[in-house]
Amino acid sequence: MSFFKKHGLVVGTGLVVGAISIALVAFGNPKNMGFCIACFLRDIAGGVGMHRAEVVQYIRPEIIGLVLGALVMSLIGKEFAPKGGSAPLTRFALGFAVMVGALMFLGCPLRMMIRIGGGDLNAVVGLIGFVAGILIGIFFLNKGFSLKRTYDLPKLEGYMPGLTAIGLLLLLTFGAGLLFFSESGPGSMRAPAAIALIAGLVVGALAQKSRLCTVGGIRDALMFKDFHLLYGFIAIIVTVLLGNLLTGAGVKVSFVEQPVAHTDGLWNALGMVLVGFASVLLGGCPLRQLILAGSGNADSGVAVLGMVVGAAFCHNFKLASSADGPTANGQIAVILCLALVALIAVLNLHKQKD
């Protein structure tokens, strides 16, 4: 009973996220991609014309819902706190690097869990890389890494992510002729907008309240032996696994012929090393950055902007992987971004007071 009293909210959030991911696939989202922050930000970048990869262009209502759900919940819980000013350009660069790694792997940490629940063994390889990246990040945290303090900001600054989300929703609703929509590929596979928006609102509100974070779960377990957030991580995988079995979607345990995935183990792992390493330095995974942005954190908003620009850059310059595997440009980009993130980590080490 004490377990559920202490961990029930984060476990419940994981169960809901897993169930919604299964439902969104049933309503039209790509298989094993009911919810993917990196993929959906990439689609939005294409939807507003930031890149011209025709198969991944669509303003995903799930992202709009995540931000607005977090905003509303933070206001209800009196946790809305406009803050920022902690190394904004560095955070932009780290967000950019996270997206380069995620599009090498073809998914964010949340999609990695969903893929594992679908039996995709490439995602297990990605998980190994993800944990390795988090361990590298923990090493620098223990050495005194910090992007320094944040500062109180005007309320309007905190509301900007929410206002941006509302703007995207208005564009999707009334300005479709100004946008780009995929007619084939993953971008063309989508749940009805209203259902996707509601799903995002629910997940955004719950993730804000529970502090769900894939990076935080592993980081806290390794650093402090605190498994609280990790239980939410596990709940998502278990729910997706059971959901696939119960709905008849099936679980295909293999490396090959997985939806929107490739089988190059080395680059699946290295992509997620980059995601894990950069996310630890940012203080949270892509999902957490969106939730924090919706809650008024301008620094997280800048990191999300870095991810969006990173997604556009990846597709404009052929850095993103495909089902055929990674590109040479993408491999070079991952190595360069790993070097950049390591440099950021080293240059932001500060002596800890005794």
Protein backbone atom coordinates (compact mmCIF):
# COMPACT_ATOMS: atom_id res chain seq x y z
CA MET A 1 0.00 0.00 0.00
CA SER A 2 2.86 2.37 0.85
CA PHE A 3 4.37 1.75 -2.61
CA PHE A 4 1.25 2.99 -4.38
CA LYS A 5 0.89 5.92 -2.00
CA LYS A 6 4.45 7.00 -2.75
CA HIS A 7 4.76 6.07 -6.42
CA GLY A 8 1.16 5.78 -7.60
CA LEU A 9 1.06 9.07 -9.50
CA VAL A 10 4.15 8.45 -11.61
CA VAL A 11 3.20 4.81 -12.21
CA GLY A 12 -0.33 5.86 -13.13
CA THR A 13 1.08 8.46 -15.51
CA GLY A 14 3.22 5.79 -17.15
CA LEU A 15 0.20 3.52 -17.52
CA VAL A 16 -1.83 6.32 -19.11
CA VAL A 17 0.99 7.34 -21.46
CA GLY A 18 1.40 3.73 -22.58
CA ALA A 19 -2.33 3.26 -23.08
CA ILE A 20 -2.67 6.53 -25.00
CA SER A 21 0.27 5.56 -27.20
CA ILE A 22 -1.50 2.34 -28.14
CA ALA A 23 -4.77 4.19 -28.73
CA LEU A 24 -3.14 6.80 -30.97
CA VAL A 25 -1.68 4.05 -33.15
CA ALA A 26 -5.13 2.46 -33.39
CA PHE A 27 -6.52 5.85 -34.46
CA GLY A 28 -3.90 6.32 -37.18
CA ASN A 29 -0.46 7.24 -35.84
CA PRO A 30 2.47 5.16 -37.15
CA LYS A 31 3.06 1.78 -35.52
CA ASN A 32 5.36 1.99 -32.49
CA MET A 33 5.03 5.79 -32.69
CA GLY A 34 1.94 6.58 -30.69
CA PHE A 35 3.92 9.29 -28.96
CA CYS A 36 7.37 10.52 -30.00
CA ILE A 37 8.55 13.99 -29.05
CA ALA A 38 11.44 14.06 -31.53
CA CYS A 39 9.35 12.72 -34.41
CA PHE A 40 6.46 15.08 -33.72
CA LEU A 41 8.70 18.16 -33.41
CA ARG A 42 10.32 17.10 -36.69
CA ASP A 43 6.89 16.85 -38.31
CA ILE A 44 5.95 20.30 -37.02
CA ALA A 45 9.18 21.76 -38.41
CA GLY A 46 8.18 20.31 -41.78
CA GLY A 47 4.57 21.38 -41.42
CA VAL A 48 5.57 25.05 -41.18
CA GLY A 49 8.06 24.73 -44.03
CA MET A 50 11.35 24.63 -42.11
CA HIS A 51 12.33 21.52 -44.08
CA ARG A 52 11.15 19.94 -47.31
CA ALA A 53 11.14 16.23 -46.46
CA GLU A 54 7.65 15.57 -47.81
CA VAL A 55 7.06 12.38 -45.82
CA VAL A 56 7.39 14.08 -42.40
CA GLN A 57 5.32 17.26 -42.53
CA TYR A 58 2.36 17.84 -40.20
CA ILE A 59 1.59 20.02 -37.18
CA ARG A 60 1.13 17.34 -34.53
CA PRO A 61 -1.68 18.27 -32.10
CA GLU A 62 -0.12 16.01 -29.48
CA ILE A 63 2.72 18.51 -28.99
CA ILE A 64 0.27 21.40 -28.73
CA GLY A 65 -1.66 19.45 -26.11
CA LEU A 66 1.46 18.61 -24.11
CA VAL A 67 2.41 22.25 -23.73
CA LEU A 68 -1.11 23.47 -22.96
CA GLY A 69 -1.80 20.58 -20.59
CA ALA A 70 1.37 21.38 -18.65
CA LEU A 71 0.49 25.08 -18.62
CA VAL A 72 -3.01 24.51 -17.24
CA MET A 73 -1.84 22.01 -14.63
CA SER A 74 0.98 24.28 -13.48
CA LEU A 75 -1.49 27.15 -13.07
CA ILE A 76 -3.95 24.95 -11.15
CA GLY A 77 -1.18 23.66 -8.89
CA LYS A 78 0.31 27.14 -8.46
CA GLU A 79 3.57 25.87 -9.94
CA PHE A 80 3.69 28.17 -12.95
CA ALA A 81 7.04 29.92 -12.56
CA PRO A 82 8.48 32.09 -15.36
CA LYS A 83 12.23 31.59 -15.02
CA GLY A 84 15.20 31.55 -17.37
CA GLY A 85 18.55 33.07 -18.25
CA SER A 86 20.68 30.01 -17.53
CA ALA A 87 23.04 29.72 -20.54
CA PRO A 88 20.30 30.03 -23.18
CA LEU A 89 22.51 29.60 -26.27
CA THR A 90 24.22 26.60 -24.68
CA ARG A 91 20.81 25.06 -24.02
CA PHE A 92 19.83 25.74 -27.64
CA ALA A 93 22.95 23.88 -28.78
CA LEU A 94 22.22 20.97 -26.44
CA GLY A 95 18.64 20.77 -27.74
CA PHE A 96 19.99 20.74 -31.28
CA ALA A 97 22.36 17.89 -30.34
CA VAL A 98 19.54 15.90 -28.72
CA MET A 99 17.60 16.04 -31.99
CA VAL A 100 20.62 14.96 -34.06
CA GLY A 101 20.96 11.89 -31.83
CA ALA A 102 17.24 11.15 -31.78
CA LEU A 103 16.93 11.30 -35.57
CA MET A 104 19.96 9.03 -35.91
CA PHE A 105 18.10 6.50 -33.73
CA LEU A 106 14.71 7.46 -35.19
CA GLY A 107 12.96 8.33 -31.97
CA CYS A 108 13.18 10.07 -28.61
CA PRO A 109 13.51 8.18 -25.30
CA LEU A 110 9.72 7.94 -25.09
CA ARG A 111 9.50 6.28 -28.50
CA MET A 112 12.41 4.05 -27.50
CA MET A 113 10.24 2.66 -24.68
CA ILE A 114 7.27 2.30 -27.02
CA ARG A 115 9.44 0.45 -29.53
CA ILE A 116 10.70 -1.89 -26.80
CA GLY A 117 7.08 -2.59 -25.85
CA GLY A 118 6.47 -3.51 -29.49
CA GLY A 119 9.35 -6.00 -29.51
CA ASP A 120 11.83 -3.86 -31.46
CA LEU A 121 15.25 -5.15 -30.39
CA ASN A 122 16.97 -2.19 -32.07
CA ALA A 123 15.41 -0.08 -29.32
CA VAL A 124 17.04 -2.31 -26.70
CA VAL A 125 20.37 -1.47 -28.31
CA GLY A 126 19.32 2.16 -28.17
CA LEU A 127 18.51 1.79 -24.47
CA ILE A 128 22.03 0.51 -23.80
CA GLY A 129 23.43 3.59 -25.53
CA PHE A 130 20.97 5.82 -23.68
CA VAL A 131 22.10 4.50 -20.29
CA ALA A 132 25.74 4.92 -21.34
CA GLY A 133 25.08 8.53 -22.30
CA ILE A 134 23.37 9.18 -18.97
CA LEU A 135 26.34 7.66 -17.14
CA ILE A 136 28.67 10.05 -18.98
CA GLY A 137 26.41 12.93 -18.00
CA ILE A 138 26.38 11.77 -14.36
CA PHE A 139 30.18 11.74 -14.39
CA PHE A 140 30.19 15.44 -15.26
CA LEU A 141 27.43 16.23 -12.75
CA ASN A 142 29.56 14.66 -10.04
CA LYS A 143 32.52 16.73 -11.20
CA GLY A 144 30.53 19.94 -10.71
CA PHE A 145 28.81 20.57 -14.06
CA SER A 146 26.28 23.41 -13.93
CA LEU A 147 24.73 25.87 -16.35
CA LYS A 148 24.32 28.21 -13.39
CA ARG A 149 21.21 29.71 -11.86
CA THR A 150 18.00 30.87 -13.45
CA TYR A 151 16.29 34.21 -12.85
CA ASP A 152 12.71 35.29 -12.38
CA LEU A 153 11.22 36.59 -15.63
CA PRO A 154 8.09 38.57 -16.58
CA LYS A 155 4.96 36.43 -16.76
CA LEU A 156 4.63 36.98 -20.51
CA GLU A 157 7.94 35.17 -21.01
CA GLY A 158 6.55 32.14 -19.22
CA TYR A 159 3.38 32.19 -21.29
CA MET A 160 5.20 32.32 -24.64
CA PRO A 161 5.38 28.51 -25.18
CA GLY A 162 1.66 28.25 -24.46
CA LEU A 163 0.87 31.15 -26.79
CA THR A 164 3.01 29.52 -29.48
CA ALA A 165 1.07 26.28 -29.04
CA ILE A 166 -2.22 28.17 -29.38
CA GLY A 167 -0.87 29.84 -32.52
CA LEU A 168 -0.01 26.47 -34.04
CA LEU A 169 -3.49 25.18 -33.17
CA LEU A 170 -5.10 28.17 -34.88
CA LEU A 171 -2.92 27.63 -37.93
CA LEU A 172 -3.86 23.96 -38.09
CA THR A 173 -7.56 24.79 -37.69
CA PHE A 174 -7.94 27.85 -39.88
CA GLY A 175 -4.76 28.21 -41.92
CA ALA A 176 -4.28 24.77 -43.42
CA GLY A 177 -3.61 26.30 -46.83
CA LEU A 178 -0.45 27.91 -45.42
CA LEU A 179 0.95 24.62 -44.10
CA PHE A 180 2.55 21.49 -45.51
CA PHE A 181 0.91 18.07 -45.07
CA SER A 182 2.53 14.74 -45.91
CA GLU A 183 0.57 12.62 -48.36
CA SER A 184 2.70 9.53 -47.76
CA GLY A 185 5.12 8.24 -45.14
CA PRO A 186 4.97 8.69 -41.34
CA GLY A 187 3.72 12.27 -41.58
CA SER A 188 0.61 11.12 -43.41
CA MET A 189 -0.24 8.62 -40.66
CA ARG A 190 -2.08 10.52 -37.97
CA ALA A 191 -4.89 10.22 -35.48
CA PRO A 192 -7.81 12.66 -35.85
CA ALA A 193 -6.71 16.09 -34.68
CA ALA A 194 -9.23 16.35 -31.84
CA ILE A 195 -8.25 12.96 -30.42
CA ALA A 196 -4.54 13.77 -30.73
CA LEU A 197 -5.04 17.12 -29.00
CA ILE A 198 -6.96 15.57 -26.11
CA ALA A 199 -4.29 12.88 -25.76
CA GLY A 200 -1.62 15.56 -25.56
CA LEU A 201 -3.58 17.57 -22.98
CA VAL A 202 -3.99 14.52 -20.73
CA VAL A 203 -0.34 13.46 -20.99
CA GLY A 204 0.88 17.05 -20.55
CA ALA A 205 -1.17 17.55 -17.40
CA LEU A 206 -0.15 14.21 -15.87
CA ALA A 207 3.52 14.57 -16.81
CA GLN A 208 3.59 18.02 -15.22
CA LYS A 209 2.08 16.74 -11.99
CA SER A 210 4.10 13.54 -11.77
CA ARG A 211 7.44 14.97 -13.03
CA LEU A 212 7.71 12.00 -15.42
CA CYS A 213 11.11 12.04 -17.13
CA THR A 214 12.88 9.17 -18.87
CA VAL A 215 16.34 10.65 -18.28
CA GLY A 216 15.53 11.58 -14.70
CA GLY A 217 14.36 8.05 -13.94
CA ILE A 218 17.64 6.43 -14.94
CA ARG A 219 19.79 9.30 -13.60
CA ASP A 220 18.17 9.21 -10.16
CA ALA A 221 18.35 5.42 -9.98
CA LEU A 222 22.06 5.42 -10.80
CA MET A 223 23.06 8.48 -8.75
CA PHE A 224 20.86 8.22 -5.68
CA LYS A 225 19.32 4.73 -5.79
CA ASP A 226 16.00 6.54 -6.10
CA PHE A 227 13.75 4.50 -8.38
CA HIS A 228 10.65 6.70 -8.16
CA LEU A 229 10.73 8.12 -11.72
CA LEU A 230 12.04 4.84 -13.11
CA TYR A 231 8.78 3.14 -12.15
CA GLY A 232 6.98 5.42 -14.61
CA PHE A 233 9.50 4.44 -17.30
CA ILE A 234 8.83 0.74 -16.67
CA ALA A 235 5.06 1.28 -16.55
CA ILE A 236 5.09 2.69 -20.09
CA ILE A 237 6.94 -0.32 -21.50
CA VAL A 238 4.71 -2.84 -19.71
CA THR A 239 1.51 -1.06 -20.76
CA VAL A 240 2.58 -0.84 -24.40
CA LEU A 241 3.56 -4.51 -24.39
CA LEU A 242 0.23 -5.60 -22.89
CA GLY A 243 -1.69 -3.17 -25.09
CA ASN A 244 -0.13 -4.55 -28.25
CA LEU A 245 -1.02 -8.08 -27.17
CA LEU A 246 -4.56 -7.29 -26.05
CA THR A 247 -5.51 -5.16 -29.06
CA GLY A 248 -4.20 -7.62 -31.60
CA ALA A 249 -1.55 -5.18 -32.83
CA GLY A 250 0.98 -7.84 -31.91
CA VAL A 251 4.52 -7.85 -30.55
CA LYS A 252 7.19 -8.70 -33.08
CA VAL A 253 10.41 -9.52 -31.21
CA SER A 254 13.11 -8.96 -33.81
CA PHE A 255 15.64 -6.57 -35.24
CA VAL A 256 14.33 -6.65 -38.79
CA GLU A 257 11.21 -5.22 -40.45
CA GLN A 258 10.33 -2.94 -37.55
CA PRO A 259 8.28 0.16 -38.43
CA VAL A 260 10.26 3.38 -38.95
CA ALA A 261 13.49 1.84 -37.65
CA HIS A 262 16.86 0.67 -38.92
CA THR A 263 19.11 -2.17 -37.83
CA ASP A 264 22.52 -0.49 -37.57
CA GLY A 265 23.29 -1.27 -33.94
CA LEU A 266 26.36 0.94 -33.61
CA TRP A 267 24.57 4.09 -34.75
CA ASN A 268 21.36 3.27 -32.89
CA ALA A 269 23.48 3.11 -29.75
CA LEU A 270 25.61 6.18 -30.49
CA GLY A 271 22.55 8.24 -31.37
CA MET A 272 21.05 7.49 -27.98
CA VAL A 273 24.38 8.04 -26.21
CA LEU A 274 24.16 11.57 -27.57
CA VAL A 275 20.52 11.94 -26.48
CA GLY A 276 21.25 10.68 -22.98
CA PHE A 277 24.42 12.74 -22.49
CA ALA A 278 22.94 16.02 -23.74
CA SER A 279 19.65 15.49 -21.90
CA VAL A 280 21.40 15.03 -18.55
CA LEU A 281 23.18 18.34 -19.07
CA LEU A 282 19.84 19.96 -19.94
CA GLY A 283 18.22 18.47 -16.84
CA GLY A 284 15.60 16.33 -18.55
CA CYS A 285 14.50 14.39 -21.62
CA PRO A 286 12.67 15.96 -24.60
CA LEU A 287 9.29 15.25 -22.99
CA ARG A 288 10.39 16.90 -19.76
CA GLN A 289 11.73 19.93 -21.63
CA LEU A 290 8.33 20.45 -23.29
CA ILE A 291 6.52 20.10 -19.96
CA LEU A 292 8.87 22.55 -18.25
CA ALA A 293 8.47 24.99 -21.15
CA GLY A 294 4.71 24.84 -20.77
CA SER A 295 5.13 25.47 -17.05
CA GLY A 296 6.96 28.74 -17.65
CA ASN A 297 10.60 27.67 -17.90
CA ALA A 298 12.09 29.79 -20.68
CA ASP A 299 15.37 27.82 -20.63
CA SER A 300 13.49 24.65 -21.52
CA GLY A 301 11.65 26.62 -24.19
CA VAL A 302 15.00 27.55 -25.73
CA ALA A 303 16.06 23.89 -25.62
CA VAL A 304 12.86 22.92 -27.46
CA LEU A 305 13.58 25.58 -30.08
CA GLY A 306 17.02 23.99 -30.48
CA MET A 307 15.33 20.64 -31.10
CA VAL A 308 12.98 22.10 -33.73
CA VAL A 309 15.83 23.81 -35.57
CA GLY A 310 17.89 20.65 -35.21
CA ALA A 311 15.10 18.62 -36.82
CA ALA A 312 14.91 21.02 -39.75
CA PHE A 313 18.69 21.00 -40.12
CA CYS A 314 18.78 17.18 -40.04
CA HIS A 315 16.34 16.87 -42.93
CA ASN A 316 17.68 19.77 -44.96
CA PHE A 317 21.23 18.40 -44.80
CA LYS A 318 20.48 14.66 -44.89
CA LEU A 319 21.54 13.89 -41.32
CA ALA A 320 18.40 11.95 -40.35
CA SER A 321 18.35 8.17 -40.67
CA SER A 322 15.70 6.23 -42.55
CA ALA A 323 14.56 2.61 -42.56
CA ASP A 324 17.54 1.98 -44.85
CA GLY A 325 19.95 3.08 -42.14
CA PRO A 326 22.03 6.09 -41.15
CA THR A 327 23.53 8.50 -43.66
CA ALA A 328 27.21 9.40 -43.81
CA ASN A 329 26.29 13.01 -43.04
CA GLY A 330 24.33 11.85 -40.00
CA GLN A 331 27.24 9.79 -38.70
CA ILE A 332 29.57 12.77 -38.97
CA ALA A 333 26.99 14.99 -37.25
CA VAL A 334 26.61 12.59 -34.30
CA ILE A 335 30.37 12.50 -33.74
CA LEU A 336 30.64 16.29 -33.99
CA CYS A 337 27.71 16.75 -31.60
CA LEU A 338 29.21 14.29 -29.10
CA ALA A 339 32.40 16.36 -29.19
CA LEU A 340 30.40 19.59 -28.79
CA VAL A 341 28.42 18.24 -25.81
CA ALA A 342 31.63 16.98 -24.18
CA LEU A 343 33.18 20.42 -24.68
CA ILE A 344 30.12 22.07 -23.12
CA ALA A 345 30.37 19.67 -20.18
CA VAL A 346 34.07 20.38 -19.60
CA LEU A 347 33.77 24.16 -19.93
CA ASN A 348 30.90 24.28 -17.45
CA LEU A 349 32.61 22.46 -14.61
CA HIS A 350 32.61 24.49 -11.43
CA LYS A 351 34.46 23.77 -8.21
CA GLN A 352 32.12 22.48 -5.58
CA LYS A 353 32.21 24.05 -2.15
CA ASP A 354 33.19 21.78 0.72
